Amino acid sequence: MMGPRQVAQGALFYEFSIEDHVPPDHLLRGKDRFVDLGDLRRRLAPFYSLTGRPSVDPELMIRMLVVGYAFGIRSERRLCEEVHLNLAYRWFCRLDLTDPVPDHSTFSKNRHGRFRDSELLRHLFETTVARCIEEGLVSGQRMAIDVSLIEADANKQNSTPKEEWNASDINPADAPGAVREYLKTLDEAAFGAASEVQPKFTSHSDPASQWTAVRKRPAFFSYFDNYLIDTDQGVIVDVEATRSIRQAEVGSTKTMLNRVNAKFDLHPERLIADTAYGTGPLVDRKIAPHIPVFDKAGRSDGTWSRADFESDAENDQYICPEGHALKQFRRNYSDPNRGPTGKGTARYRALKEVCPACPSEARCCHNADARKITREEHEDARQVARDIAKTRQYGISKN
């Protein structure tokens, strides 16, 4: 027989436990076992006033942010709505049924204020990494580095071409917060000092972002978020935000390696990356670069490439297959500033009177008076990377 229609009726008293309504295998139960925010208040205490109205509990805001990261809720406004409605979210955030949820504007104010000034999020991240090391999830022997492109909240309509942009004309006292931060980063290796080349456009609302054209789509303002990853279990051990240009990626590698070494005493044996990150700094640190070499020295017309020339490092020259020398300089300089510097790209040339008479001219320099080859500043390190690319370990890293 059909049961009676269910009609909601308000009761005078309720007996209800959120704990009983969160499944034992829920994702947040697993996370709650490892969330340790015991020193949160001590770290934030200097950034709160001793008088005035009590603030929103900072532990509540951090727990809500963890919920957002775990379930891909990027909007803080929507996060507040979801925590208000979802019993599991309320349980994780230590909220009862009748407890109010903070307004979304509270997150913005604290992220740009107390959390940033105290470096709280960096502290929580490093605390998590330390716990992963303690649990044996991170060995620090094999690491990889990669980058994500993050679109900035800026548009071209509110920007200035590089010909009209002059940072020295900005008065910091009258500038908004994002512009003041941009002025502070002009000399940092990750931003202003990463390259002398000025971006094509500079945003008024977020001038530290980079005008970027990638992925076969229209250009936009963006940042790079660089990750240093321990490959044992795929644990991210450090992050660094930079301008979205290749030079900044190289600088971020040095920064992150220095930081994990100082903080956790991690020094990898090998580092896996793409061509943008370079090899020179890694070899100097005694880190094996599992990095493909970006090399334009190869030739597709059948003529000799640089690999066919023998390097004579002792005499700073190359020897061609016919036995002729290619040199940077044909004389000794008494003034060291006029001679080879060892920086940048070195160019080695054969004598003009030698090449035309050589029997192998057609296989070497049939379109030029004399053969020239170049050598990069970190060519020794690049050769180390080429040799590693032939090993079995490199094949494992690549896969």
Protein backbone atom coordinates (compact mmCIF):
# COMPACT_ATOMS: atom_id res chain seq x y z
CA MET A 1 0.00 0.00 0.00
CA MET A 2 1.12 3.54 -0.77
CA GLY A 3 2.56 5.35 2.19
CA PRO A 4 1.39 8.78 3.38
CA ARG A 5 2.69 11.98 1.82
CA GLN A 6 5.80 13.24 3.55
CA VAL A 7 5.25 16.74 4.88
CA ALA A 8 8.06 18.68 6.56
CA GLN A 9 7.11 19.71 10.06
CA GLY A 10 9.23 21.81 12.34
CA ALA A 11 10.14 20.17 15.64
CA LEU A 12 10.71 21.94 18.90
CA PHE A 13 13.91 19.99 19.67
CA TYR A 14 16.38 18.16 17.44
CA GLU A 15 18.98 15.55 18.29
CA PHE A 16 21.53 15.70 15.49
CA SER A 17 25.26 14.89 15.19
CA ILE A 18 27.27 15.96 12.15
CA GLU A 19 29.87 13.35 13.10
CA ASP A 20 27.37 10.58 12.37
CA HIS A 21 26.62 11.93 8.88
CA VAL A 22 30.21 12.05 7.52
CA PRO A 23 31.14 8.68 5.95
CA PRO A 24 34.22 6.95 7.45
CA ASP A 25 35.92 6.85 4.02
CA HIS A 26 35.27 10.51 3.17
CA LEU A 27 38.30 12.36 1.76
CA LEU A 28 38.18 15.01 4.47
CA ARG A 29 38.40 12.41 7.23
CA GLY A 30 41.73 11.27 5.80
CA LYS A 31 42.99 14.85 5.58
CA ASP A 32 41.81 15.72 9.08
CA ARG A 33 44.16 13.12 10.55
CA PHE A 34 47.18 15.07 9.30
CA VAL A 35 46.05 18.70 9.58
CA ASP A 36 48.08 20.24 12.40
CA LEU A 37 47.42 23.94 12.98
CA GLY A 38 48.65 24.04 16.55
CA ASP A 39 51.09 26.94 16.10
CA LEU A 40 48.80 28.97 13.84
CA ARG A 41 47.68 31.45 16.48
CA ARG A 42 51.18 31.97 17.84
CA ARG A 43 52.47 32.81 14.38
CA LEU A 44 49.64 35.22 13.61
CA ALA A 45 49.45 36.88 17.06
CA PRO A 46 51.76 39.83 16.16
CA PHE A 47 49.49 40.71 13.21
CA TYR A 48 46.33 41.16 15.30
CA SER A 49 45.41 44.11 17.48
CA LEU A 50 45.14 43.65 21.24
CA THR A 51 41.89 45.60 21.30
CA GLY A 52 38.70 45.70 19.27
CA ARG A 53 36.13 43.16 18.15
CA PRO A 54 37.23 39.48 18.03
CA SER A 55 38.20 38.36 14.52
CA VAL A 56 37.09 35.35 12.50
CA ASP A 57 39.00 32.27 13.69
CA PRO A 58 42.10 32.02 11.42
CA GLU A 59 42.08 28.22 11.75
CA LEU A 60 38.55 28.20 10.31
CA MET A 61 39.71 30.17 7.27
CA ILE A 62 42.68 27.85 6.67
CA ARG A 63 40.45 24.77 6.96
CA MET A 64 38.01 26.29 4.48
CA LEU A 65 40.88 26.98 2.07
CA VAL A 66 41.96 23.34 2.38
CA VAL A 67 38.42 22.32 1.42
CA GLY A 68 38.61 24.62 -1.60
CA TYR A 69 41.94 23.19 -2.75
CA ALA A 70 40.84 19.58 -2.18
CA PHE A 71 37.61 19.90 -4.17
CA GLY A 72 38.68 22.43 -6.81
CA ILE A 73 36.53 25.30 -5.54
CA ARG A 74 38.40 28.35 -6.80
CA SER A 75 35.81 31.00 -6.04
CA GLU A 76 35.86 32.13 -2.42
CA ARG A 77 32.25 33.25 -2.72
CA ARG A 78 31.22 29.77 -3.85
CA LEU A 79 33.43 28.18 -1.18
CA CYS A 80 31.47 30.00 1.52
CA GLU A 81 28.21 28.78 -0.02
CA GLU A 82 29.44 25.17 -0.20
CA VAL A 83 30.67 25.14 3.40
CA HIS A 84 27.31 26.56 4.49
CA LEU A 85 25.43 23.72 2.76
CA ASN A 86 27.72 20.66 2.99
CA LEU A 87 27.76 18.71 6.25
CA ALA A 88 31.17 17.14 5.60
CA TYR A 89 32.69 20.56 4.95
CA ARG A 90 31.15 21.89 8.18
CA TRP A 91 32.53 18.92 10.11
CA PHE A 92 36.06 19.46 8.76
CA CYS A 93 35.87 23.21 9.53
CA ARG A 94 34.68 22.52 13.09
CA LEU A 95 31.36 24.28 12.46
CA ASP A 96 28.10 23.23 14.07
CA LEU A 97 24.77 23.41 12.24
CA THR A 98 24.01 26.89 13.55
CA ASP A 99 27.53 28.38 13.31
CA PRO A 100 27.80 31.18 10.71
CA VAL A 101 30.21 30.93 7.78
CA PRO A 102 32.58 33.89 7.23
CA ASP A 103 31.88 36.32 4.40
CA HIS A 104 33.95 35.77 1.26
CA SER A 105 35.53 39.24 1.59
CA THR A 106 37.21 38.08 4.82
CA PHE A 107 39.43 35.74 2.81
CA SER A 108 40.63 38.45 0.42
CA LYS A 109 41.47 40.81 3.27
CA ASN A 110 43.43 38.20 5.18
CA ARG A 111 45.21 36.71 2.14
CA HIS A 112 46.48 40.13 1.10
CA GLY A 113 47.10 41.20 4.69
CA ARG A 114 47.95 38.99 7.67
CA PHE A 115 48.49 35.74 5.78
CA ARG A 116 50.86 37.38 3.32
CA ASP A 117 52.73 39.56 5.81
CA SER A 118 53.32 36.60 8.13
CA GLU A 119 54.16 34.22 5.23
CA LEU A 120 51.63 31.88 6.79
CA LEU A 121 50.79 29.95 3.62
CA ARG A 122 54.51 29.35 2.92
CA HIS A 123 54.88 28.12 6.52
CA LEU A 124 51.94 25.71 6.16
CA PHE A 125 53.30 24.43 2.86
CA GLU A 126 56.75 23.77 4.31
CA THR A 127 55.19 22.11 7.36
CA THR A 128 53.36 19.73 5.01
CA VAL A 129 56.57 18.96 3.10
CA ALA A 130 58.39 18.29 6.38
CA ARG A 131 55.65 15.81 7.35
CA CYS A 132 56.01 14.05 3.97
CA ILE A 133 59.76 13.74 4.56
CA GLU A 134 59.13 12.39 8.05
CA GLU A 135 56.72 9.76 6.65
CA GLY A 136 59.29 8.62 4.06
CA LEU A 137 57.41 9.97 1.02
CA VAL A 138 60.33 12.20 -0.04
CA SER A 139 63.92 11.03 -0.55
CA GLY A 140 65.29 14.16 -2.20
CA GLN A 141 67.45 12.11 -4.57
CA ARG A 142 65.48 12.44 -7.80
CA MET A 143 63.57 15.62 -8.58
CA ALA A 144 61.76 17.16 -11.50
CA ILE A 145 60.83 20.73 -12.28
CA ASP A 146 57.94 22.03 -14.33
CA VAL A 147 55.78 25.10 -14.72
CA SER A 148 52.12 26.07 -14.99
CA LEU A 149 50.96 29.17 -16.81
CA ILE A 150 48.61 31.20 -14.60
CA GLU A 151 46.44 33.82 -16.26
CA ALA A 152 46.47 37.15 -14.44
CA ASP A 153 43.34 39.11 -13.64
CA ALA A 154 44.21 41.85 -16.13
CA ASN A 155 43.25 42.82 -19.68
CA LYS A 156 44.82 44.63 -22.59
CA GLN A 157 42.28 47.46 -22.56
CA ASN A 158 43.74 48.63 -19.26
CA SER A 159 47.41 48.59 -20.29
CA THR A 160 50.16 50.75 -21.78
CA PRO A 161 52.56 49.94 -24.66
CA LYS A 162 56.22 49.62 -23.69
CA GLU A 163 57.12 52.82 -25.58
CA GLU A 164 54.92 54.83 -23.23
CA TRP A 165 55.57 52.95 -19.96
CA ASN A 166 58.05 54.40 -17.48
CA ALA A 167 58.12 52.91 -13.98
CA SER A 168 60.15 55.83 -12.64
CA ASP A 169 57.15 58.13 -13.18
CA ILE A 170 55.03 56.21 -10.65
CA ASN A 171 54.60 57.73 -7.21
CA PRO A 172 54.38 54.82 -4.73
CA ALA A 173 52.40 56.94 -2.26
CA ASP A 174 49.54 57.34 -4.75
CA ALA A 175 49.74 53.85 -6.30
CA PRO A 176 47.45 50.90 -5.45
CA GLY A 177 48.83 47.82 -3.69
CA ALA A 178 49.53 45.77 -6.84
CA VAL A 179 51.57 48.62 -8.35
CA ARG A 180 53.59 49.12 -5.15
CA GLU A 181 54.42 45.41 -5.15
CA TYR A 182 55.48 45.68 -8.79
CA LEU A 183 57.91 48.48 -7.91
CA LYS A 184 59.45 46.28 -5.21
CA THR A 185 60.06 43.43 -7.69
CA LEU A 186 61.86 45.45 -10.36
CA ASP A 187 65.26 44.27 -9.10
CA GLU A 188 64.26 40.68 -8.30
CA ALA A 189 65.64 37.86 -10.45
CA ALA A 190 62.18 36.31 -10.78
CA PHE A 191 60.59 39.46 -12.16
CA GLY A 192 62.12 42.77 -13.29
CA ALA A 193 65.75 41.60 -13.35
CA ALA A 194 64.95 38.37 -15.21
CA SER A 195 65.37 40.11 -18.57
CA GLU A 196 66.30 43.54 -19.89
CA VAL A 197 63.65 43.18 -22.60
CA GLN A 198 60.51 45.12 -21.71
CA PRO A 199 57.12 43.45 -22.26
CA LYS A 200 55.09 44.64 -25.22
CA PHE A 201 52.30 45.83 -22.90
CA THR A 202 52.17 46.55 -19.16
CA SER A 203 48.93 46.21 -17.20
CA HIS A 204 47.84 49.14 -15.03
CA SER A 205 46.08 46.89 -12.51
CA ASP A 206 48.80 44.21 -12.32
CA PRO A 207 52.05 45.53 -13.84
CA ALA A 208 54.16 42.62 -12.52
CA SER A 209 52.34 40.21 -14.87
CA GLN A 210 53.85 39.41 -18.26
CA TRP A 211 52.23 39.91 -21.66
CA THR A 212 52.47 36.37 -23.09
CA ALA A 213 51.52 34.60 -26.31
CA VAL A 214 51.52 30.79 -25.98
CA ARG A 215 49.47 27.70 -26.80
CA LYS A 216 48.36 29.10 -30.16
CA ARG A 217 45.89 31.46 -28.53
CA PRO A 218 45.66 35.26 -28.27
CA ALA A 219 48.20 36.90 -25.96
CA PHE A 220 47.24 37.65 -22.36
CA PHE A 221 48.79 38.74 -19.06
CA SER A 222 50.13 35.87 -16.98
CA TYR A 223 52.62 34.44 -14.48
CA PHE A 224 54.64 31.23 -14.24
CA ASP A 225 54.15 28.97 -11.24
CA ASN A 226 57.28 26.78 -11.04
CA TYR A 227 57.20 23.47 -9.14
CA LEU A 228 60.06 21.40 -7.71
CA ILE A 229 58.81 17.82 -7.41
CA ASP A 230 60.29 14.79 -5.67
CA THR A 231 59.62 11.99 -8.17
CA ASP A 232 59.41 9.14 -5.62
CA GLN A 233 55.75 9.84 -4.81
CA GLY A 234 55.15 13.01 -6.84
CA VAL A 235 55.35 15.33 -3.84
CA ILE A 236 55.82 19.02 -4.60
CA VAL A 237 58.62 20.22 -2.29
CA ASP A 238 58.80 23.87 -3.37
CA VAL A 239 57.07 26.46 -5.56
CA GLU A 240 58.14 29.80 -6.97
CA ALA A 241 56.09 32.35 -8.91
CA THR A 242 57.87 34.31 -11.67
CA ARG A 243 57.29 36.32 -14.80
CA SER A 244 56.22 34.07 -17.66
CA ILE A 245 59.53 34.17 -19.54
CA ARG A 246 62.26 31.54 -19.99
CA GLN A 247 64.98 33.49 -18.16
CA ALA A 248 62.85 33.59 -15.01
CA GLU A 249 62.42 29.80 -15.13
CA VAL A 250 66.19 29.35 -14.88
CA GLY A 251 66.36 31.72 -11.91
CA SER A 252 63.49 29.92 -10.17
CA THR A 253 65.42 26.63 -10.39
CA LYS A 254 68.33 28.11 -8.43
CA THR A 255 65.98 29.68 -5.89
CA MET A 256 64.05 26.48 -5.19
CA LEU A 257 67.14 24.26 -5.02
CA ASN A 258 68.75 26.68 -2.56
CA ARG A 259 65.60 26.83 -0.46
CA VAL A 260 65.00 23.07 -0.11
CA ASN A 261 68.68 22.59 0.67
CA ALA A 262 68.62 25.21 3.42
CA LYS A 263 65.22 24.20 4.83
CA PHE A 264 65.22 20.41 4.50
CA ASP A 265 68.86 19.56 3.65
CA LEU A 266 67.75 18.09 0.31
CA HIS A 267 70.30 17.88 -2.50
CA PRO A 268 69.11 15.84 -5.52
CA GLU A 269 71.39 13.57 -7.51
CA ARG A 270 69.48 14.30 -10.70
CA LEU A 271 66.96 16.85 -11.95
CA ILE A 272 64.45 16.23 -14.72
CA ALA A 273 63.28 19.24 -16.73
CA ASP A 274 62.67 20.54 -20.23
CA THR A 275 65.05 22.60 -22.36
CA ALA A 276 63.98 25.95 -20.88
CA TYR A 277 65.73 25.31 -17.55
CA GLY A 278 69.31 24.96 -18.85
CA THR A 279 72.10 22.70 -17.61
CA GLY A 280 75.05 24.89 -16.55
CA PRO A 281 73.97 25.75 -12.98
CA LEU A 282 73.06 22.11 -12.31
CA VAL A 283 76.45 20.69 -13.27
CA ASP A 284 78.10 23.34 -11.11
CA ARG A 285 76.04 21.98 -8.19
CA LYS A 286 76.99 18.38 -9.02
CA ILE A 287 73.42 17.58 -10.05
CA ALA A 288 73.01 15.32 -13.09
CA PRO A 289 70.85 17.23 -15.61
CA HIS A 290 68.29 14.89 -17.16
CA ILE A 291 67.40 17.66 -19.58
CA PRO A 292 67.26 17.57 -23.39
CA VAL A 293 69.76 20.00 -24.90
CA PHE A 294 68.36 22.74 -27.11
CA ASP A 295 70.95 22.59 -29.88
CA LYS A 296 70.96 24.38 -33.24
CA ALA A 297 74.41 23.12 -34.21
CA GLY A 298 73.07 20.17 -36.20
CA ARG A 299 72.75 20.46 -39.98
CA SER A 300 70.23 18.87 -42.31
CA ASP A 301 72.04 19.56 -45.63
CA GLY A 302 74.61 16.78 -45.21
CA THR A 303 77.51 19.09 -44.31
CA TRP A 304 79.62 18.67 -41.20
CA SER A 305 78.04 19.78 -37.94
CA ARG A 306 79.85 20.94 -34.82
CA ALA A 307 79.86 17.35 -33.53
CA ASP A 308 82.28 16.45 -36.35
CA PHE A 309 84.86 18.94 -35.04
CA GLU A 310 87.21 17.91 -32.24
CA SER A 311 87.42 20.22 -29.26
CA ASP A 312 90.89 21.20 -28.05
CA ALA A 313 90.11 22.86 -24.73
CA GLU A 314 93.75 23.28 -23.74
CA ASN A 315 94.44 25.52 -26.75
CA ASP A 316 90.89 26.96 -26.93
CA GLN A 317 90.28 25.77 -30.47
CA TYR A 318 88.44 23.21 -32.60
CA ILE A 319 90.08 20.89 -35.14
CA CYS A 320 88.17 20.10 -38.31
CA PRO A 321 88.15 16.57 -39.86
CA GLU A 322 90.90 17.71 -42.26
CA GLY A 323 93.14 18.77 -39.37
CA HIS A 324 92.79 22.57 -39.64
CA ALA A 325 92.34 24.74 -36.53
CA LEU A 326 89.37 27.00 -35.85
CA LYS A 327 90.14 29.67 -33.24
CA GLN A 328 88.44 32.58 -31.55
CA PHE A 329 91.53 34.78 -31.65
CA ARG A 330 94.77 34.59 -33.62
CA ARG A 331 96.88 36.63 -31.22
CA ASN A 332 97.58 37.00 -27.50
CA TYR A 333 96.13 40.09 -25.82
CA SER A 334 98.05 41.90 -23.11
CA ASP A 335 94.79 43.54 -22.05
CA PRO A 336 92.49 40.74 -20.77
CA ASN A 337 89.40 42.88 -21.45
CA ARG A 338 90.07 42.62 -25.20
CA GLY A 339 90.51 38.85 -25.30
CA PRO A 340 88.12 35.95 -24.65
CA THR A 341 85.78 36.50 -21.71
CA GLY A 342 84.30 33.02 -21.35
CA LYS A 343 80.80 34.52 -21.28
CA GLY A 344 78.08 34.30 -23.87
CA THR A 345 78.51 32.54 -27.22
CA ALA A 346 82.09 32.03 -28.50
CA ARG A 347 82.68 31.94 -32.28
CA TYR A 348 85.51 29.91 -33.76
CA ARG A 349 86.71 30.59 -37.32
CA ALA A 350 89.06 28.96 -39.79
CA LEU A 351 91.47 31.01 -41.92
CA LYS A 352 89.95 32.29 -45.16
CA GLU A 353 92.93 31.13 -47.19
CA VAL A 354 92.64 27.56 -45.86
CA CYS A 355 89.03 26.65 -46.61
CA PRO A 356 88.89 27.39 -50.38
CA ALA A 357 91.87 25.11 -50.95
CA CYS A 358 90.53 22.29 -48.76
CA PRO A 359 89.37 19.13 -50.59
CA SER A 360 86.40 18.85 -48.23
CA GLU A 361 85.10 22.37 -48.76
CA ALA A 362 81.84 21.11 -50.30
CA ARG A 363 81.09 19.07 -47.16
CA CYS A 364 82.05 21.90 -44.82
CA CYS A 365 81.47 25.47 -45.99
CA HIS A 366 80.43 25.53 -49.63
CA ASN A 367 78.30 28.65 -49.03
CA ALA A 368 80.89 30.62 -47.06
CA ASP A 369 84.49 31.84 -47.41
CA ALA A 370 85.54 30.02 -44.21
CA ARG A 371 83.95 27.67 -41.72
CA LYS A 372 82.61 29.07 -38.45
CA ILE A 373 81.20 27.22 -35.44
CA THR A 374 79.85 28.47 -32.15
CA ARG A 375 80.26 27.28 -28.59
CA GLU A 376 77.81 28.15 -25.82
CA GLU A 377 79.00 29.54 -22.48
CA HIS A 378 78.02 26.33 -20.66
CA GLU A 379 79.00 23.96 -23.45
CA ASP A 380 80.80 21.58 -21.07
CA ALA A 381 77.61 21.24 -19.04
CA ARG A 382 75.58 20.80 -22.22
CA GLN A 383 77.89 17.97 -23.24
CA VAL A 384 77.33 16.33 -19.86
CA ALA A 385 73.59 16.46 -20.56
CA ARG A 386 74.12 14.96 -24.04
CA ASP A 387 76.09 12.08 -22.54
CA ILE A 388 73.43 11.47 -19.88
CA ALA A 389 70.77 11.38 -22.61
CA LYS A 390 72.41 8.19 -23.93
CA THR A 391 72.06 6.34 -20.62
CA ARG A 392 69.40 3.94 -19.41
CA GLN A 393 68.60 6.20 -16.42
CA TYR A 394 67.70 9.03 -18.79
CA GLY A 395 65.24 6.77 -20.59
CA ILE A 396 63.58 5.97 -17.25
CA SER A 397 63.43 9.68 -16.35
CA LYS A 398 61.92 10.55 -19.72
CA ASN A 399 59.11 8.07 -19.22
